Amino acid sequence: MNLHAPVRPDWTCAGCGGHWPCHTRRSQLLAEFDGAPASLTLLMGGHFIDAAQDLRTEPAHLLYERFMGWLRQQPRPDDDQEP
């Protein structure tokens, strides 16, 4: 069982009380989906849609950054290879 699960409808972290996905959960997700970034993006996209429905007063750009923005900050597998 993951202690850093989302608590809906306010999308807080059950483990630490912060905004979900918290830093700990982001690290866990990166480890769980290592080598499968498209799958992680699809998962987080689904959570983004659910959160947008639950958090209707939250600006969309803030929800996007919270659920999707951190994904593009991760290095791509071929970023460390020479052309």
Protein backbone atom coordinates (compact mmCIF):
# COMPACT_ATOMS: atom_id res chain seq x y z
CA MET A 1 0.00 0.00 0.00
CA ASN A 2 1.28 3.44 -0.91
CA LEU A 3 1.14 5.99 1.88
CA HIS A 4 1.51 8.84 -0.61
CA ALA A 5 -1.80 8.24 -2.37
CA PRO A 6 -4.16 11.04 -3.43
CA VAL A 7 -7.04 11.99 -1.16
CA ARG A 8 -9.94 13.11 -3.29
CA PRO A 9 -11.68 15.42 -3.94
CA ASP A 10 -9.04 17.91 -2.71
CA TRP A 11 -6.07 15.98 -4.13
CA THR A 12 -3.87 16.12 -1.07
CA CYS A 13 -1.33 13.46 -0.17
CA ALA A 14 -2.45 10.89 2.40
CA GLY A 15 1.14 10.46 3.54
CA CYS A 16 2.38 14.00 4.03
CA GLY A 17 -0.63 16.27 3.57
CA GLY A 18 0.90 18.25 0.70
CA HIS A 19 -0.46 18.71 -2.79
CA TRP A 20 -0.59 15.42 -4.65
CA PRO A 21 1.60 14.30 -6.33
CA CYS A 22 4.04 15.26 -3.60
CA HIS A 23 7.80 15.13 -4.05
CA THR A 24 7.96 11.63 -2.53
CA ARG A 25 5.25 10.27 -4.82
CA ARG A 26 6.88 11.85 -7.86
CA SER A 27 10.13 10.06 -7.00
CA GLN A 28 8.25 6.80 -6.50
CA LEU A 29 6.46 7.17 -9.83
CA LEU A 30 9.70 7.86 -11.67
CA ALA A 31 11.18 4.68 -10.18
CA GLU A 32 8.05 2.62 -10.91
CA PHE A 33 7.87 3.80 -14.53
CA ASP A 34 11.60 3.80 -15.25
CA GLY A 35 11.96 3.06 -18.94
CA ALA A 36 8.27 3.71 -19.63
CA PRO A 37 7.86 7.50 -19.71
CA ALA A 38 4.87 7.37 -22.08
CA SER A 39 2.99 5.16 -19.63
CA LEU A 40 3.73 7.55 -16.78
CA THR A 41 2.55 10.47 -18.90
CA LEU A 42 -0.70 8.67 -19.69
CA LEU A 43 -1.26 7.85 -16.02
CA MET A 44 -0.65 11.42 -14.93
CA GLY A 45 -2.84 12.71 -17.75
CA GLY A 46 -5.71 10.66 -16.36
CA HIS A 47 -5.10 12.08 -12.89
CA PHE A 48 -4.94 15.57 -14.38
CA ILE A 49 -8.39 15.10 -15.96
CA ASP A 50 -9.84 13.75 -12.70
CA ALA A 51 -8.32 16.59 -10.70
CA ALA A 52 -9.66 19.19 -13.15
CA GLN A 53 -13.15 17.80 -12.54
CA ASP A 54 -12.72 17.79 -8.75
CA LEU A 55 -10.90 21.13 -8.47
CA ARG A 56 -13.05 23.23 -10.78
CA THR A 57 -11.98 26.56 -9.24
CA GLU A 58 -8.25 25.84 -9.57
CA PRO A 59 -6.69 27.55 -12.62
CA ALA A 60 -6.01 25.01 -15.37
CA HIS A 61 -2.41 26.11 -15.88
CA LEU A 62 -1.62 25.45 -12.20
CA LEU A 63 -3.18 22.00 -12.35
CA TYR A 64 -1.25 21.27 -15.52
CA GLU A 65 2.05 22.23 -13.89
CA ARG A 66 1.21 20.19 -10.80
CA PHE A 67 0.23 17.00 -12.63
CA MET A 68 2.11 17.20 -15.93
CA GLY A 69 4.74 19.93 -15.79
CA TRP A 70 7.20 18.00 -13.65
CA LEU A 71 7.31 15.17 -16.19
CA ARG A 72 9.02 17.24 -18.85
CA GLN A 73 11.72 18.27 -16.38
CA GLN A 74 13.07 14.72 -16.29
CA PRO A 75 16.01 13.82 -18.55
CA ARG A 76 15.18 11.73 -21.57
CA PRO A 77 17.00 8.40 -21.98
CA ASP A 78 18.93 9.62 -25.04
CA ASP A 79 19.83 13.05 -23.59
CA ASP A 80 23.15 11.71 -22.29
CA GLN A 81 24.22 10.15 -25.60
CA GLU A 82 26.38 11.86 -28.18
CA PRO A 83 24.85 12.33 -31.67
